[in-house]
PDB file of all heavy atoms in Angstrom:
ATOM      1  N   GLY A   1     -56.327  32.562   6.346  1.00  0.00           N
ATOM      2  CA  GLY A   1     -57.412  32.723   7.302  1.00  0.00           C
ATOM      3  C   GLY A   1     -57.874  34.164   7.387  1.00  0.00           C
ATOM      4  O   GLY A   1     -59.078  34.458   7.437  1.00  0.00           O
ATOM      5  N   LEU A   2     -56.913  35.099   7.395  1.00  0.00           N
ATOM      6  CA  LEU A   2     -57.245  36.519   7.406  1.00  0.00           C
ATOM      7  C   LEU A   2     -57.897  36.939   6.087  1.00  0.00           C
ATOM      8  O   LEU A   2     -58.820  37.762   6.081  1.00  0.00           O
ATOM      9  CB  LEU A   2     -55.986  37.347   7.667  1.00  0.00           C
ATOM     10  CG  LEU A   2     -55.392  37.213   9.084  1.00  0.00           C
ATOM     11  CD1 LEU A   2     -53.985  37.808   9.139  1.00  0.00           C
ATOM     12  CD2 LEU A   2     -56.270  37.893  10.121  1.00  0.00           C
ATOM     13  N   ASN A   3     -57.431  36.366   4.977  1.00  0.00           N
ATOM     14  CA  ASN A   3     -58.046  36.658   3.681  1.00  0.00           C
ATOM     15  C   ASN A   3     -59.507  36.201   3.642  1.00  0.00           C
ATOM     16  O   ASN A   3     -60.352  36.848   3.030  1.00  0.00           O
ATOM     17  CB  ASN A   3     -57.267  35.986   2.556  1.00  0.00           C
ATOM     18  CG  ASN A   3     -55.975  36.715   2.220  1.00  0.00           C
ATOM     19  OD1 ASN A   3     -55.743  37.838   2.670  1.00  0.00           O
ATOM     20  ND2 ASN A   3     -55.120  36.088   1.433  1.00  0.00           N
ATOM     21  N   LEU A   4     -59.792  35.063   4.299  1.00  0.00           N
ATOM     22  CA  LEU A   4     -61.170  34.580   4.365  1.00  0.00           C
ATOM     23  C   LEU A   4     -62.049  35.580   5.101  1.00  0.00           C
ATOM     24  O   LEU A   4     -63.170  35.889   4.662  1.00  0.00           O
ATOM     25  CB  LEU A   4     -61.215  33.220   5.054  1.00  0.00           C
ATOM     26  CG  LEU A   4     -62.610  32.593   5.258  1.00  0.00           C
ATOM     27  CD1 LEU A   4     -63.285  32.364   3.906  1.00  0.00           C
ATOM     28  CD2 LEU A   4     -62.513  31.294   6.038  1.00  0.00           C
ATOM     29  N   LYS A   5     -61.551  36.118   6.211  1.00  0.00           N
ATOM     30  CA  LYS A   5     -62.284  37.146   6.948  1.00  0.00           C
ATOM     31  C   LYS A   5     -62.478  38.393   6.081  1.00  0.00           C
ATOM     32  O   LYS A   5     -63.518  39.042   6.135  1.00  0.00           O
ATOM     33  CB  LYS A   5     -61.545  37.505   8.235  1.00  0.00           C
ATOM     34  CG  LYS A   5     -61.536  36.404   9.284  1.00  0.00           C
ATOM     35  CD  LYS A   5     -60.833  36.859  10.544  1.00  0.00           C
ATOM     36  CE  LYS A   5     -60.828  35.752  11.589  1.00  0.00           C
ATOM     37  NZ  LYS A   5     -60.116  36.196  12.832  1.00  0.00           N
ATOM     38  N   TRP A   6     -61.451  38.729   5.294  1.00  0.00           N
ATOM     39  CA  TRP A   6     -61.548  39.874   4.403  1.00  0.00           C
ATOM     40  C   TRP A   6     -62.658  39.665   3.369  1.00  0.00           C
ATOM     41  O   TRP A   6     -63.454  40.572   3.118  1.00  0.00           O
ATOM     42  CB  TRP A   6     -60.209  40.085   3.700  1.00  0.00           C
ATOM     43  CG  TRP A   6     -60.170  41.311   2.840  1.00  0.00           C
ATOM     44  CD1 TRP A   6     -59.813  42.574   3.222  1.00  0.00           C
ATOM     45  CD2 TRP A   6     -60.539  41.404   1.454  1.00  0.00           C
ATOM     46  NE1 TRP A   6     -59.925  43.445   2.166  1.00  0.00           N
ATOM     47  CE2 TRP A   6     -60.366  42.756   1.067  1.00  0.00           C
ATOM     48  CE3 TRP A   6     -60.991  40.491   0.517  1.00  0.00           C
ATOM     49  CZ2 TRP A   6     -60.630  43.196  -0.218  1.00  0.00           C
ATOM     50  CZ3 TRP A   6     -61.260  40.939  -0.774  1.00  0.00           C
ATOM     51  CH2 TRP A   6     -61.069  42.264  -1.128  1.00  0.00           C
ATOM     52  N   ASN A   7     -62.716  38.479   2.788  1.00  0.00           N
ATOM     53  CA  ASN A   7     -63.765  38.189   1.808  1.00  0.00           C
ATOM     54  C   ASN A   7     -65.156  38.276   2.433  1.00  0.00           C
ATOM     55  O   ASN A   7     -66.105  38.746   1.801  1.00  0.00           O
ATOM     56  CB  ASN A   7     -63.551  36.800   1.206  1.00  0.00           C
ATOM     57  CG  ASN A   7     -62.454  36.782   0.149  1.00  0.00           C
ATOM     58  OD1 ASN A   7     -62.397  37.643  -0.708  1.00  0.00           O
ATOM     59  ND2 ASN A   7     -61.568  35.797   0.199  1.00  0.00           N
ATOM     60  N   LEU A   8     -65.281  37.817   3.667  1.00  0.00           N
ATOM     61  CA  LEU A   8     -66.556  37.908   4.373  1.00  0.00           C
ATOM     62  C   LEU A   8     -66.939  39.363   4.618  1.00  0.00           C
ATOM     63  O   LEU A   8     -68.113  39.729   4.549  1.00  0.00           O
ATOM     64  CB  LEU A   8     -66.487  37.145   5.695  1.00  0.00           C
ATOM     65  CG  LEU A   8     -66.386  35.614   5.595  1.00  0.00           C
ATOM     66  CD1 LEU A   8     -66.136  35.009   6.978  1.00  0.00           C
ATOM     67  CD2 LEU A   8     -67.656  35.031   4.992  1.00  0.00           C
ATOM     68  N   THR A   9     -65.940  40.195   4.910  1.00  0.00           N
ATOM     69  CA  THR A   9     -66.179  41.626   5.118  1.00  0.00           C
ATOM     70  C   THR A   9     -66.745  42.265   3.856  1.00  0.00           C
ATOM     71  O   THR A   9     -67.714  43.014   3.902  1.00  0.00           O
ATOM     72  CB  THR A   9     -64.875  42.334   5.527  1.00  0.00           C
ATOM     73  OG1 THR A   9     -64.391  41.778   6.751  1.00  0.00           O
ATOM     74  CG2 THR A   9     -65.098  43.829   5.698  1.00  0.00           C
ATOM     75  N   VAL A  10     -66.131  41.970   2.723  1.00  0.00           N
ATOM     76  CA  VAL A  10     -66.572  42.537   1.451  1.00  0.00           C
ATOM     77  C   VAL A  10     -67.960  42.017   1.075  1.00  0.00           C
ATOM     78  O   VAL A  10     -68.821  42.765   0.614  1.00  0.00           O
ATOM     79  CB  VAL A  10     -65.557  42.220   0.342  1.00  0.00           C
ATOM     80  CG1 VAL A  10     -66.058  42.733  -0.999  1.00  0.00           C
ATOM     81  CG2 VAL A  10     -64.212  42.864   0.669  1.00  0.00           C
ATOM     82  N   ARG A  11     -68.162  40.716   1.298  1.00  0.00           N
ATOM     83  CA  ARG A  11     -69.459  40.119   0.974  1.00  0.00           C
ATOM     84  C   ARG A  11     -70.569  40.722   1.830  1.00  0.00           C
ATOM     85  O   ARG A  11     -71.666  40.989   1.346  1.00  0.00           O
ATOM     86  CB  ARG A  11     -69.397  38.612   1.184  1.00  0.00           C
ATOM     87  CG  ARG A  11     -70.549  37.833   0.537  1.00  0.00           C
ATOM     88  CD  ARG A  11     -70.380  36.354   0.782  1.00  0.00           C
ATOM     89  NE  ARG A  11     -69.083  35.894   0.314  1.00  0.00           N
ATOM     90  CZ  ARG A  11     -68.471  34.804   0.751  1.00  0.00           C
ATOM     91  NH1 ARG A  11     -69.034  34.073   1.685  1.00  0.00           N
ATOM     92  NH2 ARG A  11     -67.295  34.437   0.263  1.00  0.00           N
ATOM     93  N   LYS A  12     -70.273  40.927   3.109  1.00  0.00           N
ATOM     94  CA  LYS A  12     -71.258  41.503   4.021  1.00  0.00           C
ATOM     95  C   LYS A  12     -71.641  42.910   3.614  1.00  0.00           C
ATOM     96  O   LYS A  12     -72.751  43.366   3.823  1.00  0.00           O
ATOM     97  CB  LYS A  12     -70.686  41.504   5.446  1.00  0.00           C
ATOM     98  CG  LYS A  12     -71.649  41.961   6.511  1.00  0.00           C
ATOM     99  CD  LYS A  12     -71.067  41.753   7.891  1.00  0.00           C
ATOM    100  CE  LYS A  12     -69.884  42.639   8.138  1.00  0.00           C
ATOM    101  NZ  LYS A  12     -69.375  42.530   9.535  1.00  0.00           N
ATOM    102  N   ALA A  13     -70.676  43.610   3.013  1.00  0.00           N
ATOM    103  CA  ALA A  13     -70.917  44.990   2.605  1.00  0.00           C
ATOM    104  C   ALA A  13     -71.523  45.090   1.214  1.00  0.00           C
ATOM    105  O   ALA A  13     -71.796  46.195   0.745  1.00  0.00           O
ATOM    106  CB  ALA A  13     -69.616  45.771   2.644  1.00  0.00           C
ATOM    107  N   PHE A  14     -71.723  43.951   0.553  1.00  0.00           N
ATOM    108  CA  PHE A  14     -72.253  43.920  -0.809  1.00  0.00           C
ATOM    109  C   PHE A  14     -71.374  44.719  -1.766  1.00  0.00           C
ATOM    110  O   PHE A  14     -71.848  45.313  -2.727  1.00  0.00           O
ATOM    111  CB  PHE A  14     -73.702  44.443  -0.850  1.00  0.00           C
ATOM    112  CG  PHE A  14     -74.626  43.707   0.067  1.00  0.00           C
ATOM    113  CD1 PHE A  14     -75.065  44.272   1.249  1.00  0.00           C
ATOM    114  CD2 PHE A  14     -75.019  42.432  -0.229  1.00  0.00           C
ATOM    115  CE1 PHE A  14     -75.905  43.589   2.103  1.00  0.00           C
ATOM    116  CE2 PHE A  14     -75.860  41.734   0.631  1.00  0.00           C
ATOM    117  CZ  PHE A  14     -76.307  42.313   1.793  1.00  0.00           C
ATOM    118  N   GLY A  15     -70.075  44.742  -1.502  1.00  0.00           N
ATOM    119  CA  GLY A  15     -69.131  45.427  -2.369  1.00  0.00           C
ATOM    120  C   GLY A  15     -68.991  46.905  -2.042  1.00  0.00           C
ATOM    121  O   GLY A  15     -69.897  47.529  -1.496  1.00  0.00           O
ATOM    122  N   PHE A  16     -67.862  47.462  -2.380  1.00  0.00           N
ATOM    123  CA  PHE A  16     -67.600  48.883  -2.165  1.00  0.00           C
ATOM    124  C   PHE A  16     -67.255  49.533  -3.499  1.00  0.00           C
ATOM    125  O   PHE A  16     -66.539  48.969  -4.318  1.00  0.00           O
ATOM    126  CB  PHE A  16     -66.439  49.078  -1.184  1.00  0.00           C
ATOM    127  CG  PHE A  16     -66.749  48.615   0.213  1.00  0.00           C
ATOM    128  CD1 PHE A  16     -66.354  47.370   0.656  1.00  0.00           C
ATOM    129  CD2 PHE A  16     -67.434  49.437   1.084  1.00  0.00           C
ATOM    130  CE1 PHE A  16     -66.639  46.942   1.939  1.00  0.00           C
ATOM    131  CE2 PHE A  16     -67.723  49.019   2.370  1.00  0.00           C
ATOM    132  CZ  PHE A  16     -67.331  47.777   2.795  1.00  0.00           C
ATOM    133  N   ARG A  17     -67.765  50.729  -3.692  1.00  0.00           N
ATOM    134  CA  ARG A  17     -67.539  51.434  -4.942  1.00  0.00           C
ATOM    135  C   ARG A  17     -66.135  52.031  -5.039  1.00  0.00           C
ATOM    136  O   ARG A  17     -65.608  52.207  -6.123  1.00  0.00           O
ATOM    137  CB  ARG A  17     -68.584  52.542  -5.121  1.00  0.00           C
ATOM    138  CG  ARG A  17     -70.008  52.026  -5.307  1.00  0.00           C
ATOM    139  CD  ARG A  17     -70.986  53.157  -5.504  1.00  0.00           C
ATOM    140  NE  ARG A  17     -72.341  52.676  -5.650  1.00  0.00           N
ATOM    141  CZ  ARG A  17     -72.901  52.293  -6.783  1.00  0.00           C
ATOM    142  NH1 ARG A  17     -72.191  52.371  -7.886  1.00  0.00           N
ATOM    143  NH2 ARG A  17     -74.136  51.855  -6.837  1.00  0.00           N
ATOM    144  N   THR A  18     -65.535  52.378  -3.912  1.00  0.00           N
ATOM    145  CA  THR A  18     -64.221  53.016  -3.933  1.00  0.00           C
ATOM    146  C   THR A  18     -63.213  52.197  -3.141  1.00  0.00           C
ATOM    147  O   THR A  18     -63.579  51.476  -2.199  1.00  0.00           O
ATOM    148  CB  THR A  18     -64.288  54.438  -3.343  1.00  0.00           C
ATOM    149  OG1 THR A  18     -64.635  54.366  -1.941  1.00  0.00           O
ATOM    150  CG2 THR A  18     -65.314  55.283  -4.077  1.00  0.00           C
ATOM    151  N   PHE A  19     -61.946  52.341  -3.523  1.00  0.00           N
ATOM    152  CA  PHE A  19     -60.884  51.656  -2.797  1.00  0.00           C
ATOM    153  C   PHE A  19     -60.790  52.177  -1.362  1.00  0.00           C
ATOM    154  O   PHE A  19     -60.513  51.417  -0.434  1.00  0.00           O
ATOM    155  CB  PHE A  19     -59.543  51.859  -3.521  1.00  0.00           C
ATOM    156  CG  PHE A  19     -58.360  51.428  -2.711  1.00  0.00           C
ATOM    157  CD1 PHE A  19     -58.088  50.088  -2.509  1.00  0.00           C
ATOM    158  CD2 PHE A  19     -57.513  52.370  -2.140  1.00  0.00           C
ATOM    159  CE1 PHE A  19     -56.995  49.697  -1.751  1.00  0.00           C
ATOM    160  CE2 PHE A  19     -56.431  51.983  -1.381  1.00  0.00           C
ATOM    161  CZ  PHE A  19     -56.161  50.637  -1.191  1.00  0.00           C
ATOM    162  N   LYS A  20     -61.030  53.475  -1.157  1.00  0.00           N
ATOM    163  CA  LYS A  20     -60.940  54.066   0.168  1.00  0.00           C
ATOM    164  C   LYS A  20     -61.922  53.418   1.135  1.00  0.00           C
ATOM    165  O   LYS A  20     -61.567  53.103   2.275  1.00  0.00           O
ATOM    166  CB  LYS A  20     -61.190  55.582   0.089  1.00  0.00           C
ATOM    167  CG  LYS A  20     -60.832  56.346   1.355  1.00  0.00           C
ATOM    168  CD  LYS A  20     -59.343  56.350   1.597  1.00  0.00           C
ATOM    169  CE  LYS A  20     -58.989  57.182   2.829  1.00  0.00           C
ATOM    170  NZ  LYS A  20     -57.531  57.135   3.101  1.00  0.00           N
ATOM    171  N   ALA A  21     -63.164  53.223   0.687  1.00  0.00           N
ATOM    172  CA  ALA A  21     -64.169  52.576   1.535  1.00  0.00           C
ATOM    173  C   ALA A  21     -63.778  51.138   1.838  1.00  0.00           C
ATOM    174  O   ALA A  21     -63.934  50.667   2.974  1.00  0.00           O
ATOM    175  CB  ALA A  21     -65.534  52.620   0.846  1.00  0.00           C
ATOM    176  N   LEU A  22     -63.260  50.438   0.837  1.00  0.00           N
ATOM    177  CA  LEU A  22     -62.799  49.063   1.020  1.00  0.00           C
ATOM    178  C   LEU A  22     -61.651  49.015   2.022  1.00  0.00           C
ATOM    179  O   LEU A  22     -61.588  48.137   2.887  1.00  0.00           O
ATOM    180  CB  LEU A  22     -62.350  48.490  -0.327  1.00  0.00           C
ATOM    181  CG  LEU A  22     -61.850  47.054  -0.352  1.00  0.00           C
ATOM    182  CD1 LEU A  22     -62.933  46.098   0.104  1.00  0.00           C
ATOM    183  CD2 LEU A  22     -61.379  46.684  -1.761  1.00  0.00           C
ATOM    184  N   GLN A  23     -60.752  49.970   1.927  1.00  0.00           N
ATOM    185  CA  GLN A  23     -59.606  50.055   2.840  1.00  0.00           C
ATOM    186  C   GLN A  23     -60.079  50.293   4.277  1.00  0.00           C
ATOM    187  O   GLN A  23     -59.586  49.647   5.216  1.00  0.00           O
ATOM    188  CB  GLN A  23     -58.674  51.174   2.383  1.00  0.00           C
ATOM    189  CG  GLN A  23     -57.344  51.224   3.108  1.00  0.00           C
ATOM    190  CD  GLN A  23     -56.500  52.393   2.620  1.00  0.00           C
ATOM    191  OE1 GLN A  23     -56.992  53.502   2.415  1.00  0.00           O
ATOM    192  NE2 GLN A  23     -55.224  52.155   2.380  1.00  0.00           N
ATOM    193  N   MET A  24     -61.028  51.218   4.463  1.00  0.00           N
ATOM    194  CA  MET A  24     -61.539  51.513   5.796  1.00  0.00           C
ATOM    195  C   MET A  24     -62.200  50.284   6.413  1.00  0.00           C
ATOM    196  O   MET A  24     -61.970  49.954   7.579  1.00  0.00           O
ATOM    197  CB  MET A  24     -62.548  52.665   5.731  1.00  0.00           C
ATOM    198  CG  MET A  24     -61.947  54.017   5.398  1.00  0.00           C
ATOM    199  SD  MET A  24     -60.773  54.583   6.658  1.00  0.00           S
ATOM    200  CE  MET A  24     -59.301  54.739   5.651  1.00  0.00           C
ATOM    201  N   ALA A  25     -63.022  49.592   5.633  1.00  0.00           N
ATOM    202  CA  ALA A  25     -63.702  48.394   6.130  1.00  0.00           C
ATOM    203  C   ALA A  25     -62.705  47.299   6.495  1.00  0.00           C
ATOM    204  O   ALA A  25     -62.879  46.598   7.497  1.00  0.00           O
ATOM    205  CB  ALA A  25     -64.687  47.880   5.085  1.00  0.00           C
ATOM    206  N   SER A  26     -61.650  47.153   5.707  1.00  0.00           N
ATOM    207  CA  SER A  26     -60.640  46.120   5.948  1.00  0.00           C
ATOM    208  C   SER A  26     -59.888  46.373   7.245  1.00  0.00           C
ATOM    209  O   SER A  26     -59.714  45.471   8.067  1.00  0.00           O
ATOM    210  CB  SER A  26     -59.665  46.054   4.769  1.00  0.00           C
ATOM    211  OG  SER A  26     -60.345  45.780   3.553  1.00  0.00           O
ATOM    212  N   PHE A  27     -59.434  47.597   7.437  1.00  0.00           N
ATOM    213  CA  PHE A  27     -58.725  47.925   8.670  1.00  0.00           C
ATOM    214  C   PHE A  27     -59.662  47.844   9.879  1.00  0.00           C
ATOM    215  O   PHE A  27     -59.245  47.452  10.964  1.00  0.00           O
ATOM    216  CB  PHE A  27     -58.110  49.320   8.578  1.00  0.00           C
ATOM    217  CG  PHE A  27     -56.769  49.344   7.912  1.00  0.00           C
ATOM    218  CD1 PHE A  27     -56.590  49.944   6.680  1.00  0.00           C
ATOM    219  CD2 PHE A  27     -55.666  48.767   8.527  1.00  0.00           C
ATOM    220  CE1 PHE A  27     -55.351  49.963   6.066  1.00  0.00           C
ATOM    221  CE2 PHE A  27     -54.424  48.777   7.916  1.00  0.00           C
ATOM    222  CZ  PHE A  27     -54.269  49.378   6.679  1.00  0.00           C
ATOM    223  N   HIS A  28     -60.909  48.204   9.667  1.00  0.00           N
ATOM    224  CA  HIS A  28     -61.890  48.167  10.755  1.00  0.00           C
ATOM    225  C   HIS A  28     -62.090  46.738  11.271  1.00  0.00           C
ATOM    226  O   HIS A  28     -62.196  46.508  12.485  1.00  0.00           O
ATOM    227  CB  HIS A  28     -63.208  48.756  10.259  1.00  0.00           C
ATOM    228  CG  HIS A  28     -64.225  48.988  11.324  1.00  0.00           C
ATOM    229  ND1 HIS A  28     -63.932  49.580  12.530  1.00  0.00           N
ATOM    230  CD2 HIS A  28     -65.556  48.702  11.377  1.00  0.00           C
ATOM    231  CE1 HIS A  28     -65.013  49.657  13.270  1.00  0.00           C
ATOM    232  NE2 HIS A  28     -66.008  49.115  12.601  1.00  0.00           N
ATOM    233  N   GLN A  29     -62.121  45.773  10.351  1.00  0.00           N
ATOM    234  CA  GLN A  29     -62.375  44.385  10.717  1.00  0.00           C
ATOM    235  C   GLN A  29     -61.112  43.622  11.080  1.00  0.00           C
ATOM    236  O   GLN A  29     -61.126  42.772  11.974  1.00  0.00           O
ATOM    237  CB  GLN A  29     -63.090  43.669   9.563  1.00  0.00           C
ATOM    238  CG  GLN A  29     -64.490  44.177   9.274  1.00  0.00           C
ATOM    239  CD  GLN A  29     -65.516  43.726  10.304  1.00  0.00           C
ATOM    240  OE1 GLN A  29     -65.228  42.922  11.178  1.00  0.00           O
ATOM    241  NE2 GLN A  29     -66.728  44.226  10.202  1.00  0.00           N
ATOM    242  N   LEU A  30     -60.002  43.897  10.382  1.00  0.00           N
ATOM    243  CA  LEU A  30     -58.803  43.061  10.502  1.00  0.00           C
ATOM    244  C   LEU A  30     -57.602  43.764  11.124  1.00  0.00           C
ATOM    245  O   LEU A  30     -56.575  43.131  11.361  1.00  0.00           O
ATOM    246  CB  LEU A  30     -58.395  42.538   9.110  1.00  0.00           C
ATOM    247  CG  LEU A  30     -59.463  41.784   8.320  1.00  0.00           C
ATOM    248  CD1 LEU A  30     -58.954  41.445   6.923  1.00  0.00           C
ATOM    249  CD2 LEU A  30     -59.853  40.516   9.051  1.00  0.00           C
ATOM    250  N   GLY A  31     -57.718  45.078  11.369  1.00  0.00           N
ATOM    251  CA  GLY A  31     -56.556  45.834  11.821  1.00  0.00           C
ATOM    252  C   GLY A  31     -56.237  45.698  13.301  1.00  0.00           C
ATOM    253  O   GLY A  31     -55.138  46.057  13.734  1.00  0.00           O
ATOM    254  N   ASP A  32     -57.194  45.165  14.102  1.00  0.00           N
ATOM    255  CA  ASP A  32     -56.996  45.056  15.552  1.00  0.00           C
ATOM    256  C   ASP A  32     -56.485  46.382  16.110  1.00  0.00           C
ATOM    257  O   ASP A  32     -55.482  46.447  16.832  1.00  0.00           O
ATOM    258  CB  ASP A  32     -56.016  43.922  15.885  1.00  0.00           C
ATOM    259  CG  ASP A  32     -55.989  43.568  17.370  1.00  0.00           C
ATOM    260  OD1 ASP A  32     -56.945  43.945  18.084  1.00  0.00           O
ATOM    261  OD2 ASP A  32     -54.990  42.965  17.827  1.00  0.00           O
TER     262      ASP A  32
END
């Protein structure tokens, strides 16, 4: 379920060029 939210986060962002940006977005949405 959390992975599904993660995929939606990435899709909403139209992808991230760097791992750091992807990491920030993931914690922002799923880190509570």
